[in-house]
Each structure stands twice: as structure tokens, then as C-alpha cells.
Amino acid sequence: MDHQQILIRAIRESGLTAREIAEGTSVNESSLSRFMNGKQDLKAGDYFAVLNFLPEVAKNPAKSRLSMDSPVSLKMLVLQASNAEKAEVMVTLAHVFLEDRNNGDSVELMPAV
């Protein structure tokens, strides 16, 4: 499955119309319709604007399919995350470290790379 098929599938699974996606992103509705019909590809920025606009239930499987052939590191996932997602990661890590500290476990941090 190539990148175009992955996004088309995700759009269809989202239940959103081309108009709704166009209104929520900067992508032209006619360009999106041509993309959906296999008549043209989207610019990379438009592709990811559409992908990121989709609901989580459609977006996450598509992102997974896009990275199936290459290993994904936690560091890369965090770097590609939205600011809201990064904040969630930070809060989760803080809770993990506090829980470990409260359990008497020592927490040693590695220097940033």
C-alpha cells in the first residue's frame, strides 16, 4: 500500500467529506477531490495537514501504516508529536518518575543528546 492509498483509506474511514477536510485545513477542496480519485498527488505539506486533521481513529492506523517499513524510535515519535501530545508525554513521565521515587527507586537521568 503506497502513501496515497494509505491516506485515501484513512479519509474514507474518518467519515469526513472533502469539504469538511478542506474547511479544517489549508488544502483546496478540488485538489483533495482529485487526490481521492487518484488523478493527482498532494504536496507533502498538504498530505500531512490532511492526515493530522483526521480523527485519531483514522489518523493513528494511517501513521502506523506509513512507518511499517522503517523502525520508529520513541525519540522520533516525540519530535513529530504536536505540542499537546508532547505535554501529555511530559505529564506521564513526571507521574512515572514520582511513582518510582515514592517507591524508593532511584531515578538516574541520562544527559540529553
N, C-alpha and C. Protein backbone atom coordinates (compact mmCIF):
# COMPACT_ATOMS: atom_id res chain seq x y z
N MET A 1 0.86 -1.18 0.00
CA MET A 1 0.00 0.00 0.00
C MET A 1 0.90 1.23 0.00
N ASP A 2 0.71 2.12 -0.97
CA ASP A 2 1.55 3.33 -1.03
C ASP A 2 0.93 4.46 -0.21
N HIS A 3 1.67 5.57 -0.12
CA HIS A 3 1.23 6.69 0.74
C HIS A 3 -0.13 7.24 0.33
N GLN A 4 -0.40 7.27 -0.97
CA GLN A 4 -1.68 7.80 -1.44
C GLN A 4 -2.84 6.90 -1.00
N GLN A 5 -2.67 5.60 -1.18
CA GLN A 5 -3.70 4.65 -0.77
C GLN A 5 -3.93 4.69 0.74
N ILE A 6 -2.85 4.89 1.49
CA ILE A 6 -2.97 4.95 2.95
C ILE A 6 -3.82 6.13 3.37
N LEU A 7 -3.57 7.31 2.79
CA LEU A 7 -4.35 8.49 3.17
C LEU A 7 -5.79 8.39 2.68
N ILE A 8 -5.98 7.90 1.48
CA ILE A 8 -7.35 7.75 0.96
C ILE A 8 -8.15 6.83 1.88
N ARG A 9 -7.54 5.73 2.28
CA ARG A 9 -8.22 4.80 3.19
C ARG A 9 -8.55 5.49 4.51
N ALA A 10 -7.61 6.25 5.04
CA ALA A 10 -7.83 6.95 6.31
C ALA A 10 -8.96 7.97 6.19
N ILE A 11 -8.99 8.69 5.08
CA ILE A 11 -10.06 9.68 4.87
C ILE A 11 -11.41 8.99 4.83
N ARG A 12 -11.48 7.90 4.09
CA ARG A 12 -12.75 7.16 4.00
C ARG A 12 -13.17 6.62 5.36
N GLU A 13 -12.20 6.11 6.12
CA GLU A 13 -12.51 5.58 7.45
C GLU A 13 -12.92 6.67 8.43
N SER A 14 -12.49 7.91 8.17
CA SER A 14 -12.82 9.02 9.07
C SER A 14 -14.28 9.43 8.97
N GLY A 15 -14.87 9.18 7.79
CA GLY A 15 -16.25 9.60 7.57
C GLY A 15 -16.39 11.07 7.23
N LEU A 16 -15.27 11.79 7.13
CA LEU A 16 -15.30 13.21 6.79
C LEU A 16 -15.41 13.39 5.27
N THR A 17 -16.01 14.48 4.86
CA THR A 17 -16.10 14.79 3.44
C THR A 17 -14.90 15.65 3.04
N ALA A 18 -14.66 15.73 1.74
CA ALA A 18 -13.58 16.58 1.23
C ALA A 18 -13.81 18.02 1.66
N ARG A 19 -15.05 18.45 1.65
CA ARG A 19 -15.37 19.82 2.06
C ARG A 19 -15.02 20.06 3.52
N GLU A 20 -15.36 19.12 4.40
CA GLU A 20 -15.05 19.27 5.82
C GLU A 20 -13.54 19.32 6.05
N ILE A 21 -12.82 18.49 5.33
CA ILE A 21 -11.36 18.48 5.47
C ILE A 21 -10.77 19.77 4.93
N ALA A 22 -11.26 20.23 3.78
CA ALA A 22 -10.78 21.48 3.20
C ALA A 22 -11.03 22.66 4.14
N GLU A 23 -12.20 22.67 4.77
CA GLU A 23 -12.53 23.75 5.70
C GLU A 23 -11.65 23.71 6.95
N GLY A 24 -11.21 22.53 7.35
CA GLY A 24 -10.39 22.39 8.55
C GLY A 24 -8.89 22.48 8.30
N THR A 25 -8.51 22.50 7.04
CA THR A 25 -7.10 22.60 6.67
C THR A 25 -6.94 23.69 5.61
N SER A 26 -5.73 23.88 5.16
CA SER A 26 -5.49 24.86 4.09
C SER A 26 -5.50 24.20 2.71
N VAL A 27 -5.96 22.96 2.64
CA VAL A 27 -5.94 22.21 1.38
C VAL A 27 -7.18 22.53 0.56
N ASN A 28 -6.97 22.83 -0.71
CA ASN A 28 -8.05 23.15 -1.64
C ASN A 28 -8.94 21.93 -1.83
N GLU A 29 -10.25 22.14 -1.77
CA GLU A 29 -11.19 21.03 -1.88
C GLU A 29 -11.08 20.30 -3.22
N SER A 30 -10.88 21.04 -4.31
CA SER A 30 -10.77 20.37 -5.61
C SER A 30 -9.48 19.55 -5.71
N SER A 31 -8.40 20.04 -5.11
CA SER A 31 -7.15 19.26 -5.09
C SER A 31 -7.35 17.98 -4.29
N LEU A 32 -8.05 18.09 -3.19
CA LEU A 32 -8.32 16.92 -2.36
C LEU A 32 -9.20 15.92 -3.10
N SER A 33 -10.21 16.40 -3.82
CA SER A 33 -11.07 15.51 -4.59
C SER A 33 -10.29 14.81 -5.69
N ARG A 34 -9.41 15.54 -6.39
CA ARG A 34 -8.58 14.91 -7.42
C ARG A 34 -7.66 13.86 -6.80
N PHE A 35 -7.14 14.16 -5.63
CA PHE A 35 -6.29 13.20 -4.92
C PHE A 35 -7.09 11.94 -4.60
N MET A 36 -8.29 12.11 -4.07
CA MET A 36 -9.14 10.98 -3.69
C MET A 36 -9.50 10.11 -4.90
N ASN A 37 -9.57 10.73 -6.08
CA ASN A 37 -9.90 10.00 -7.31
C ASN A 37 -8.65 9.47 -8.02
N GLY A 38 -7.47 9.65 -7.41
CA GLY A 38 -6.24 9.15 -7.99
C GLY A 38 -5.73 9.92 -9.18
N LYS A 39 -6.21 11.15 -9.37
CA LYS A 39 -5.82 11.95 -10.54
C LYS A 39 -4.61 12.84 -10.27
N GLN A 40 -4.30 13.09 -9.01
CA GLN A 40 -3.12 13.87 -8.67
C GLN A 40 -2.70 13.55 -7.25
N ASP A 41 -1.45 13.85 -6.96
CA ASP A 41 -0.94 13.64 -5.61
C ASP A 41 -1.01 14.98 -4.87
N LEU A 42 -0.86 14.94 -3.57
CA LEU A 42 -0.83 16.16 -2.77
C LEU A 42 0.60 16.54 -2.47
N LYS A 43 0.84 17.83 -2.28
CA LYS A 43 2.15 18.27 -1.79
C LYS A 43 2.32 17.69 -0.39
N ALA A 44 3.57 17.49 -0.01
CA ALA A 44 3.84 16.88 1.30
C ALA A 44 3.16 17.64 2.43
N GLY A 45 3.23 18.96 2.42
CA GLY A 45 2.61 19.76 3.48
C GLY A 45 1.10 19.55 3.53
N ASP A 46 0.48 19.48 2.36
CA ASP A 46 -0.97 19.25 2.30
C ASP A 46 -1.32 17.84 2.76
N TYR A 47 -0.49 16.88 2.36
CA TYR A 47 -0.71 15.49 2.76
C TYR A 47 -0.77 15.38 4.28
N PHE A 48 0.24 15.97 4.94
CA PHE A 48 0.31 15.84 6.40
C PHE A 48 -0.71 16.75 7.10
N ALA A 49 -1.10 17.84 6.46
CA ALA A 49 -2.17 18.67 7.04
C ALA A 49 -3.46 17.87 7.08
N VAL A 50 -3.76 17.17 5.99
CA VAL A 50 -4.97 16.33 5.94
C VAL A 50 -4.86 15.20 6.95
N LEU A 51 -3.74 14.50 6.94
CA LEU A 51 -3.55 13.38 7.85
C LEU A 51 -3.72 13.81 9.30
N ASN A 52 -3.11 14.91 9.68
CA ASN A 52 -3.18 15.38 11.07
C ASN A 52 -4.54 15.93 11.45
N PHE A 53 -5.36 16.31 10.46
CA PHE A 53 -6.70 16.82 10.73
C PHE A 53 -7.67 15.68 11.05
N LEU A 54 -7.38 14.50 10.55
CA LEU A 54 -8.30 13.38 10.72
C LEU A 54 -8.45 13.00 12.19
N PRO A 55 -9.60 12.43 12.54
CA PRO A 55 -9.79 11.96 13.92
C PRO A 55 -8.77 10.86 14.24
N GLU A 56 -8.43 10.73 15.51
CA GLU A 56 -7.43 9.76 15.96
C GLU A 56 -7.70 8.36 15.43
N VAL A 57 -8.95 7.96 15.40
CA VAL A 57 -9.32 6.60 15.00
C VAL A 57 -8.91 6.31 13.55
N ALA A 58 -8.83 7.32 12.72
CA ALA A 58 -8.39 7.14 11.32
C ALA A 58 -6.92 7.51 11.16
N LYS A 59 -6.49 8.52 11.89
CA LYS A 59 -5.11 9.03 11.76
C LYS A 59 -4.08 8.03 12.27
N ASN A 60 -4.28 7.47 13.44
CA ASN A 60 -3.27 6.61 14.05
C ASN A 60 -2.95 5.36 13.22
N PRO A 61 -3.96 4.64 12.72
CA PRO A 61 -3.62 3.49 11.87
C PRO A 61 -2.88 3.91 10.59
N ALA A 62 -3.23 5.05 10.03
CA ALA A 62 -2.55 5.52 8.82
C ALA A 62 -1.10 5.84 9.12
N LYS A 63 -0.84 6.50 10.24
CA LYS A 63 0.54 6.80 10.62
C LYS A 63 1.33 5.52 10.84
N SER A 64 0.67 4.53 11.40
CA SER A 64 1.32 3.25 11.61
C SER A 64 1.67 2.60 10.27
N ARG A 65 0.74 2.63 9.33
CA ARG A 65 0.98 2.05 8.01
C ARG A 65 2.12 2.77 7.29
N LEU A 66 2.23 4.06 7.47
CA LEU A 66 3.27 4.83 6.80
C LEU A 66 4.66 4.46 7.31
N SER A 67 4.76 4.03 8.54
CA SER A 67 6.07 3.74 9.10
C SER A 67 6.34 2.25 9.25
N MET A 68 5.54 1.41 8.63
CA MET A 68 5.69 -0.03 8.77
C MET A 68 7.06 -0.53 8.34
N ASP A 69 7.61 0.05 7.30
CA ASP A 69 8.86 -0.45 6.76
C ASP A 69 10.09 0.11 7.44
N SER A 70 9.93 1.08 8.31
CA SER A 70 11.09 1.67 8.96
C SER A 70 10.88 1.65 10.47
N PRO A 71 11.96 1.40 11.21
CA PRO A 71 11.82 1.37 12.67
C PRO A 71 11.46 2.76 13.20
N VAL A 72 10.64 2.78 14.22
CA VAL A 72 10.21 4.03 14.82
C VAL A 72 10.77 4.09 16.22
N SER A 73 11.49 5.16 16.52
CA SER A 73 12.03 5.33 17.86
C SER A 73 11.12 6.24 18.67
N LEU A 74 11.16 6.07 19.96
CA LEU A 74 10.37 6.93 20.84
C LEU A 74 10.76 8.39 20.65
N LYS A 75 12.06 8.63 20.50
CA LYS A 75 12.55 9.99 20.29
C LYS A 75 11.92 10.61 19.05
N MET A 76 11.86 9.86 17.95
CA MET A 76 11.27 10.39 16.72
C MET A 76 9.77 10.64 16.87
N LEU A 77 9.09 9.75 17.58
CA LEU A 77 7.66 9.95 17.81
C LEU A 77 7.41 11.24 18.58
N VAL A 78 8.22 11.48 19.61
CA VAL A 78 8.06 12.69 20.41
C VAL A 78 8.37 13.93 19.57
N LEU A 79 9.43 13.85 18.77
CA LEU A 79 9.79 15.00 17.94
C LEU A 79 8.70 15.34 16.93
N GLN A 80 7.97 14.34 16.46
CA GLN A 80 6.93 14.56 15.46
C GLN A 80 5.57 14.86 16.09
N ALA A 81 5.47 14.74 17.39
CA ALA A 81 4.20 14.94 18.07
C ALA A 81 3.81 16.41 18.11
N SER A 82 2.51 16.64 18.25
CA SER A 82 2.03 18.01 18.42
C SER A 82 2.43 18.50 19.81
N ASN A 83 2.31 19.78 20.06
CA ASN A 83 2.65 20.32 21.38
C ASN A 83 1.76 19.71 22.47
N ALA A 84 0.49 19.48 22.15
CA ALA A 84 -0.42 18.87 23.12
C ALA A 84 0.02 17.45 23.45
N GLU A 85 0.43 16.70 22.43
CA GLU A 85 0.89 15.34 22.65
C GLU A 85 2.19 15.33 23.46
N LYS A 86 3.08 16.28 23.18
CA LYS A 86 4.33 16.38 23.95
C LYS A 86 4.02 16.68 25.42
N ALA A 87 3.05 17.53 25.67
CA ALA A 87 2.67 17.85 27.04
C ALA A 87 2.14 16.61 27.75
N GLU A 88 1.34 15.79 27.04
CA GLU A 88 0.84 14.55 27.63
C GLU A 88 1.98 13.61 27.99
N VAL A 89 2.98 13.53 27.11
CA VAL A 89 4.15 12.68 27.37
C VAL A 89 4.87 13.18 28.62
N MET A 90 5.06 14.49 28.72
CA MET A 90 5.77 15.05 29.87
C MET A 90 5.03 14.76 31.18
N VAL A 91 3.73 14.92 31.17
CA VAL A 91 2.93 14.66 32.38
C VAL A 91 3.03 13.18 32.75
N THR A 92 2.94 12.32 31.77
CA THR A 92 3.04 10.88 32.03
C THR A 92 4.39 10.52 32.60
N LEU A 93 5.46 11.06 32.01
CA LEU A 93 6.80 10.78 32.52
C LEU A 93 6.98 11.30 33.94
N ALA A 94 6.44 12.48 34.21
CA ALA A 94 6.54 13.04 35.56
C ALA A 94 5.86 12.11 36.57
N HIS A 95 4.69 11.59 36.21
CA HIS A 95 3.99 10.67 37.12
C HIS A 95 4.80 9.39 37.33
N VAL A 96 5.42 8.88 36.27
CA VAL A 96 6.23 7.66 36.39
C VAL A 96 7.41 7.91 37.32
N PHE A 97 8.11 9.04 37.12
CA PHE A 97 9.26 9.34 37.96
C PHE A 97 8.86 9.56 39.42
N LEU A 98 7.75 10.25 39.64
CA LEU A 98 7.29 10.47 41.02
C LEU A 98 6.89 9.16 41.68
N GLU A 99 6.24 8.29 40.95
CA GLU A 99 5.84 6.99 41.50
C GLU A 99 7.08 6.17 41.85
N ASP A 100 8.07 6.17 40.95
CA ASP A 100 9.31 5.44 41.23
C ASP A 100 10.00 6.01 42.47
N ARG A 101 10.04 7.33 42.58
CA ARG A 101 10.69 7.96 43.73
C ARG A 101 9.94 7.64 45.02
N ASN A 102 8.61 7.65 44.96
CA ASN A 102 7.80 7.33 46.14
C ASN A 102 7.96 5.87 46.55
N ASN A 103 8.31 5.01 45.60
CA ASN A 103 8.53 3.60 45.90
C ASN A 103 9.96 3.33 46.34
N GLY A 104 10.76 4.37 46.45
CA GLY A 104 12.14 4.22 46.91
C GLY A 104 13.12 3.88 45.81
N ASP A 105 12.67 3.85 44.59
CA ASP A 105 13.58 3.57 43.48
C ASP A 105 14.35 4.83 43.13
N SER A 106 15.63 4.67 42.86
CA SER A 106 16.40 5.83 42.44
C SER A 106 16.19 6.03 40.94
N VAL A 107 16.13 7.28 40.55
CA VAL A 107 15.92 7.62 39.15
C VAL A 107 17.15 8.36 38.66
N GLU A 108 17.85 7.76 37.72
CA GLU A 108 19.03 8.38 37.15
C GLU A 108 18.70 8.82 35.72
N LEU A 109 18.95 10.06 35.46
CA LEU A 109 18.66 10.59 34.13
C LEU A 109 19.93 10.61 33.28
N MET A 110 19.75 10.33 32.01
CA MET A 110 20.88 10.40 31.07
C MET A 110 20.94 11.82 30.53
N PRO A 111 22.13 12.28 30.18
CA PRO A 111 22.24 13.61 29.58
C PRO A 111 21.53 13.66 28.24
N ALA A 112 20.97 14.80 27.89
CA ALA A 112 20.28 14.98 26.61
C ALA A 112 21.29 14.85 25.48
N VAL A 113 20.84 14.25 24.40
CA VAL A 113 21.71 14.05 23.24
C VAL A 113 21.30 15.02 22.16
